[in-house]
């Protein structure tokens, strides 16, 4: 599995960015480097479309997209499902119809990262925070059955972006450690 401090791979994925056939696009890391050189990326890998836990966390991240934008972080949902499955899922699930970030068909990328379940062949619930230089700054991996905490993701982003020594259980506004 790719670790903190390592270069996130260059990637190109088919993606669903909306609710109709014209919203099926190909996007890549090189597009983003040119158009958004100062932005961070948060990749939200999840097991499968049409499941029970996945829409709860993807929708919650979507509800707080402005919080991520305030931190210059772009969100990307990603699984081993294809872009057509993503489109059908978005259109059939009320919590996902207005999802404000793309869902990547990330079969190759998930394998490159080493985050696919050995027997199920789907992504673990892996979160990768990647800085504007393409370096992995944070990874969190949950089992297939356990959703992520959006609050924790925001807390960790704030801690990392502070460039300070951050104590256990720190929240924004609290003191940092001084050496």
C-alpha atoms as a PDB file:
ATOM      1  CA  UNK A   1       0.000   0.000   0.000  1.00  0.00           C
ATOM      2  CA  UNK A   2       1.202   3.483  -0.858  1.00  0.00           C
ATOM      3  CA  UNK A   3       2.292   5.334   2.309  1.00  0.00           C
ATOM      4  CA  UNK A   4       2.569   8.862   3.701  1.00  0.00           C
ATOM      5  CA  UNK A   5       5.417  10.797   2.131  1.00  0.00           C
ATOM      6  CA  UNK A   6       5.249   8.920  -1.163  1.00  0.00           C
ATOM      7  CA  UNK A   7       4.285  10.332  -4.543  1.00  0.00           C
ATOM      8  CA  UNK A   8       0.663   9.615  -5.451  1.00  0.00           C
ATOM      9  CA  UNK A   9       0.572   8.009  -8.911  1.00  0.00           C
ATOM     10  CA  UNK A  10      -0.419   9.930 -11.994  1.00  0.00           C
ATOM     11  CA  UNK A  11      -3.903   8.794 -12.883  1.00  0.00           C
ATOM     12  CA  UNK A  12      -6.490   8.919 -15.633  1.00  0.00           C
ATOM     13  CA  UNK A  13     -10.003   7.676 -14.892  1.00  0.00           C
ATOM     14  CA  UNK A  14     -13.406   7.627 -16.472  1.00  0.00           C
ATOM     15  CA  UNK A  15     -15.709   9.520 -14.146  1.00  0.00           C
ATOM     16  CA  UNK A  16     -19.303  10.422 -13.510  1.00  0.00           C
ATOM     17  CA  UNK A  17     -19.565  14.138 -12.714  1.00  0.00           C
ATOM     18  CA  UNK A  18     -23.337  14.607 -12.951  1.00  0.00           C
ATOM     19  CA  UNK A  19     -26.627  12.929 -13.751  1.00  0.00           C
ATOM     20  CA  UNK A  20     -26.745  12.226 -17.484  1.00  0.00           C
ATOM     21  CA  UNK A  21     -24.693  10.571 -20.230  1.00  0.00           C
ATOM     22  CA  UNK A  22     -22.966  13.852 -21.107  1.00  0.00           C
ATOM     23  CA  UNK A  23     -21.585  13.894 -17.539  1.00  0.00           C
ATOM     24  CA  UNK A  24     -19.414  10.854 -18.188  1.00  0.00           C
ATOM     25  CA  UNK A  25     -15.922  12.316 -18.603  1.00  0.00           C
ATOM     26  CA  UNK A  26     -12.293  11.307 -18.511  1.00  0.00           C
ATOM     27  CA  UNK A  27     -10.288  13.231 -15.922  1.00  0.00           C
ATOM     28  CA  UNK A  28      -6.674  12.934 -14.896  1.00  0.00           C
ATOM     29  CA  UNK A  29      -4.067  14.185 -12.481  1.00  0.00           C
ATOM     30  CA  UNK A  30      -2.374  16.107 -15.306  1.00  0.00           C
ATOM     31  CA  UNK A  31      -5.586  18.074 -15.992  1.00  0.00           C
ATOM     32  CA  UNK A  32      -5.708  19.040 -12.343  1.00  0.00           C
ATOM     33  CA  UNK A  33      -2.046  20.050 -12.141  1.00  0.00           C
ATOM     34  CA  UNK A  34      -2.573  22.550 -14.942  1.00  0.00           C
ATOM     35  CA  UNK A  35      -5.951  23.921 -13.820  1.00  0.00           C
ATOM     36  CA  UNK A  36      -5.532  23.780 -10.019  1.00  0.00           C
ATOM     37  CA  UNK A  37      -1.848  23.794  -9.064  1.00  0.00           C
ATOM     38  CA  UNK A  38      -2.512  24.963  -5.476  1.00  0.00           C
ATOM     39  CA  UNK A  39      -5.283  22.485  -4.623  1.00  0.00           C
ATOM     40  CA  UNK A  40      -5.122  19.414  -2.414  1.00  0.00           C
ATOM     41  CA  UNK A  41      -6.999  16.214  -3.245  1.00  0.00           C
ATOM     42  CA  UNK A  42      -8.959  13.939  -0.938  1.00  0.00           C
ATOM     43  CA  UNK A  43      -9.675  10.542  -2.485  1.00  0.00           C
ATOM     44  CA  UNK A  44     -12.560   8.628  -0.934  1.00  0.00           C
ATOM     45  CA  UNK A  45     -12.259   5.026  -2.086  1.00  0.00           C
ATOM     46  CA  UNK A  46     -15.297   2.898  -1.256  1.00  0.00           C
ATOM     47  CA  UNK A  47     -16.274  -0.743  -1.894  1.00  0.00           C
ATOM     48  CA  UNK A  48     -19.251  -0.644  -4.290  1.00  0.00           C
ATOM     49  CA  UNK A  49     -22.089   1.316  -5.745  1.00  0.00           C
ATOM     50  CA  UNK A  50     -25.600   0.267  -4.658  1.00  0.00           C
ATOM     51  CA  UNK A  51     -24.568  -0.603  -1.099  1.00  0.00           C
ATOM     52  CA  UNK A  52     -25.709   0.620   2.304  1.00  0.00           C
ATOM     53  CA  UNK A  53     -22.804   2.352   4.062  1.00  0.00           C
ATOM     54  CA  UNK A  54     -21.211   4.017   1.013  1.00  0.00           C
ATOM     55  CA  UNK A  55     -23.958   6.558   0.239  1.00  0.00           C
ATOM     56  CA  UNK A  56     -24.085   7.736   3.860  1.00  0.00           C
ATOM     57  CA  UNK A  57     -20.455   8.801   3.875  1.00  0.00           C
ATOM     58  CA  UNK A  58     -20.283  10.071   0.281  1.00  0.00           C
ATOM     59  CA  UNK A  59     -23.374  12.212   0.853  1.00  0.00           C
ATOM     60  CA  UNK A  60     -22.009  13.596   4.130  1.00  0.00           C
ATOM     61  CA  UNK A  61     -18.738  14.606   2.463  1.00  0.00           C
ATOM     62  CA  UNK A  62     -20.860  16.270  -0.233  1.00  0.00           C
ATOM     63  CA  UNK A  63     -22.896  18.227   2.318  1.00  0.00           C
ATOM     64  CA  UNK A  64     -19.645  19.666   3.692  1.00  0.00           C
ATOM     65  CA  UNK A  65     -17.988  20.352   0.323  1.00  0.00           C
ATOM     66  CA  UNK A  66     -17.720  24.074   1.182  1.00  0.00           C
ATOM     67  CA  UNK A  67     -15.644  23.184   4.252  1.00  0.00           C
ATOM     68  CA  UNK A  68     -13.237  21.286   1.998  1.00  0.00           C
ATOM     69  CA  UNK A  69     -13.192  24.104  -0.571  1.00  0.00           C
ATOM     70  CA  UNK A  70     -12.293  26.555   2.217  1.00  0.00           C
ATOM     71  CA  UNK A  71      -9.207  24.383   2.795  1.00  0.00           C
ATOM     72  CA  UNK A  72      -8.432  24.172  -0.954  1.00  0.00           C
ATOM     73  CA  UNK A  73      -9.257  20.451  -1.001  1.00  0.00           C
ATOM     74  CA  UNK A  74     -11.006  18.777  -3.930  1.00  0.00           C
ATOM     75  CA  UNK A  75     -12.995  15.609  -3.283  1.00  0.00           C
ATOM     76  CA  UNK A  76     -12.987  12.491  -5.450  1.00  0.00           C
ATOM     77  CA  UNK A  77     -15.127   9.443  -4.769  1.00  0.00           C
ATOM     78  CA  UNK A  78     -13.625   6.281  -6.265  1.00  0.00           C
ATOM     79  CA  UNK A  79     -14.393   2.589  -6.556  1.00  0.00           C
ATOM     80  CA  UNK A  80     -13.784  -0.344  -8.861  1.00  0.00           C
ATOM     81  CA  UNK A  81     -17.252   0.127 -10.388  1.00  0.00           C
ATOM     82  CA  UNK A  82     -17.392   1.671 -13.854  1.00  0.00           C
ATOM     83  CA  UNK A  83     -18.677   5.129 -14.733  1.00  0.00           C
ATOM     84  CA  UNK A  84     -22.013   3.741 -15.980  1.00  0.00           C
ATOM     85  CA  UNK A  85     -22.661   2.113 -12.620  1.00  0.00           C
ATOM     86  CA  UNK A  86     -21.775   5.409 -10.902  1.00  0.00           C
ATOM     87  CA  UNK A  87     -24.274   7.237 -13.124  1.00  0.00           C
ATOM     88  CA  UNK A  88     -27.065   4.735 -12.459  1.00  0.00           C
ATOM     89  CA  UNK A  89     -26.368   4.844  -8.713  1.00  0.00           C
ATOM     90  CA  UNK A  90     -26.374   8.653  -8.574  1.00  0.00           C
ATOM     91  CA  UNK A  91     -29.692   8.747 -10.415  1.00  0.00           C
ATOM     92  CA  UNK A  92     -31.340   6.065  -8.284  1.00  0.00           C
ATOM     93  CA  UNK A  93     -30.234   7.200  -4.826  1.00  0.00           C
ATOM     94  CA  UNK A  94     -31.767  10.414  -3.434  1.00  0.00           C
ATOM     95  CA  UNK A  95     -28.721  11.169  -1.256  1.00  0.00           C
ATOM     96  CA  UNK A  96     -26.402  11.112  -4.296  1.00  0.00           C
ATOM     97  CA  UNK A  97     -28.365  12.994  -6.971  1.00  0.00           C
ATOM     98  CA  UNK A  98     -26.696  16.315  -6.153  1.00  0.00           C
ATOM     99  CA  UNK A  99     -23.268  14.952  -5.224  1.00  0.00           C
ATOM    100  CA  UNK A 100     -20.900  17.897  -5.852  1.00  0.00           C
ATOM    101  CA  UNK A 101     -17.783  15.906  -6.753  1.00  0.00           C
ATOM    102  CA  UNK A 102     -16.880  13.207  -9.279  1.00  0.00           C
ATOM    103  CA  UNK A 103     -17.067   9.466  -8.824  1.00  0.00           C
ATOM    104  CA  UNK A 104     -14.038   7.860 -10.449  1.00  0.00           C
ATOM    105  CA  UNK A 105     -13.996   4.454 -12.125  1.00  0.00           C
ATOM    106  CA  UNK A 106     -10.680   3.720 -10.432  1.00  0.00           C
ATOM    107  CA  UNK A 107      -9.968   0.048 -11.079  1.00  0.00           C
ATOM    108  CA  UNK A 108      -6.345   0.597 -12.171  1.00  0.00           C
ATOM    109  CA  UNK A 109      -5.636   3.281  -9.551  1.00  0.00           C
ATOM    110  CA  UNK A 110      -7.006   1.140  -6.706  1.00  0.00           C
ATOM    111  CA  UNK A 111      -4.745  -1.721  -7.763  1.00  0.00           C
ATOM    112  CA  UNK A 112      -1.728   0.616  -8.029  1.00  0.00           C
ATOM    113  CA  UNK A 113      -2.394   1.844  -4.493  1.00  0.00           C
ATOM    114  CA  UNK A 114      -2.782  -1.708  -3.164  1.00  0.00           C
ATOM    115  CA  UNK A 115      -6.151  -1.027  -1.538  1.00  0.00           C
ATOM    116  CA  UNK A 116      -8.300  -3.800  -2.978  1.00  0.00           C
ATOM    117  CA  UNK A 117      -9.676  -6.528  -0.748  1.00  0.00           C
ATOM    118  CA  UNK A 118      -7.974  -9.866  -1.478  1.00  0.00           C
ATOM    119  CA  UNK A 119     -11.109 -11.977  -1.847  1.00  0.00           C
ATOM    120  CA  UNK A 120     -13.839  -9.441  -2.634  1.00  0.00           C
ATOM    121  CA  UNK A 121     -11.823  -7.552  -5.273  1.00  0.00           C
ATOM    122  CA  UNK A 122     -13.308  -4.207  -4.200  1.00  0.00           C
ATOM    123  CA  UNK A 123     -11.688  -1.158  -2.623  1.00  0.00           C
ATOM    124  CA  UNK A 124     -11.240  -0.869   1.081  1.00  0.00           C
ATOM    125  CA  UNK A 125     -12.691   2.324   2.519  1.00  0.00           C
ATOM    126  CA  UNK A 126      -9.381   4.127   1.985  1.00  0.00           C
ATOM    127  CA  UNK A 127      -8.891   7.871   2.278  1.00  0.00           C
ATOM    128  CA  UNK A 128      -5.858   9.567   0.733  1.00  0.00           C
ATOM    129  CA  UNK A 129      -5.018  13.233   1.319  1.00  0.00           C
ATOM    130  CA  UNK A 130      -2.618  14.404  -1.389  1.00  0.00           C
ATOM    131  CA  UNK A 131      -0.906  17.803  -1.280  1.00  0.00           C
ATOM    132  CA  UNK A 132      -0.539  20.116  -4.317  1.00  0.00           C
ATOM    133  CA  UNK A 133       2.868  18.567  -5.114  1.00  0.00           C
ATOM    134  CA  UNK A 134       1.291  15.109  -5.325  1.00  0.00           C
ATOM    135  CA  UNK A 135       2.714  13.799  -2.039  1.00  0.00           C
ATOM    136  CA  UNK A 136       0.514  11.645   0.197  1.00  0.00           C
ATOM    137  CA  UNK A 137       0.051  13.459   3.515  1.00  0.00           C
ATOM    138  CA  UNK A 138      -2.533  11.224   5.218  1.00  0.00           C
ATOM    139  CA  UNK A 139      -4.049   7.797   4.764  1.00  0.00           C
ATOM    140  CA  UNK A 140      -6.940   6.237   6.614  1.00  0.00           C
ATOM    141  CA  UNK A 141      -8.264   2.760   5.858  1.00  0.00           C
ATOM    142  CA  UNK A 142     -11.466   1.325   7.296  1.00  0.00           C
ATOM    143  CA  UNK A 143     -12.851  -2.182   6.871  1.00  0.00           C
ATOM    144  CA  UNK A 144     -15.543  -2.652   4.245  1.00  0.00           C
ATOM    145  CA  UNK A 145     -18.369  -2.375   6.791  1.00  0.00           C
ATOM    146  CA  UNK A 146     -17.306   0.816   8.632  1.00  0.00           C
ATOM    147  CA  UNK A 147     -17.905   4.327   7.281  1.00  0.00           C
ATOM    148  CA  UNK A 148     -15.526   7.259   7.670  1.00  0.00           C
ATOM    149  CA  UNK A 149     -15.822  10.309   9.896  1.00  0.00           C
ATOM    150  CA  UNK A 150     -16.070  13.540   7.901  1.00  0.00           C
ATOM    151  CA  UNK A 151     -15.316  15.515  11.077  1.00  0.00           C
ATOM    152  CA  UNK A 152     -12.086  13.581  11.560  1.00  0.00           C
ATOM    153  CA  UNK A 153     -11.061  14.158   7.947  1.00  0.00           C
ATOM    154  CA  UNK A 154     -11.526  17.924   8.380  1.00  0.00           C
ATOM    155  CA  UNK A 155      -9.661  17.876  11.713  1.00  0.00           C
ATOM    156  CA  UNK A 156      -6.701  16.045  10.188  1.00  0.00           C
ATOM    157  CA  UNK A 157      -6.616  18.368   7.163  1.00  0.00           C
ATOM    158  CA  UNK A 158      -6.573  21.385   9.498  1.00  0.00           C
ATOM    159  CA  UNK A 159      -3.784  19.812  11.548  1.00  0.00           C
ATOM    160  CA  UNK A 160      -1.652  18.967   8.511  1.00  0.00           C
ATOM    161  CA  UNK A 161      -2.190  22.319   6.833  1.00  0.00           C
ATOM    162  CA  UNK A 162      -1.256  24.138  10.060  1.00  0.00           C
ATOM    163  CA  UNK A 163       2.365  22.974   9.647  1.00  0.00           C
ATOM    164  CA  UNK A 164       2.615  22.872  13.466  1.00  0.00           C
ATOM    165  CA  UNK A 165       3.240  20.201  16.103  1.00  0.00           C
ATOM    166  CA  UNK A 166      -0.276  18.963  16.809  1.00  0.00           C
ATOM    167  CA  UNK A 167      -1.144  17.144  20.062  1.00  0.00           C
ATOM    168  CA  UNK A 168      -3.501  14.206  20.474  1.00  0.00           C
ATOM    169  CA  UNK A 169      -7.214  15.099  20.295  1.00  0.00           C
ATOM    170  CA  UNK A 170      -6.440  18.597  18.988  1.00  0.00           C
ATOM    171  CA  UNK A 171      -9.196  20.604  17.342  1.00  0.00           C
ATOM    172  CA  UNK A 172      -8.927  23.896  15.441  1.00  0.00           C
ATOM    173  CA  UNK A 173      -8.587  26.839  17.803  1.00  0.00           C
ATOM    174  CA  UNK A 174      -6.705  24.840  20.429  1.00  0.00           C
ATOM    175  CA  UNK A 175      -3.033  25.328  21.207  1.00  0.00           C
ATOM    176  CA  UNK A 176      -0.246  23.631  19.318  1.00  0.00           C
ATOM    177  CA  UNK A 177       2.808  22.079  20.969  1.00  0.00           C
ATOM    178  CA  UNK A 178       5.774  24.423  21.240  1.00  0.00           C
ATOM    179  CA  UNK A 179       9.204  22.853  21.221  1.00  0.00           C
END
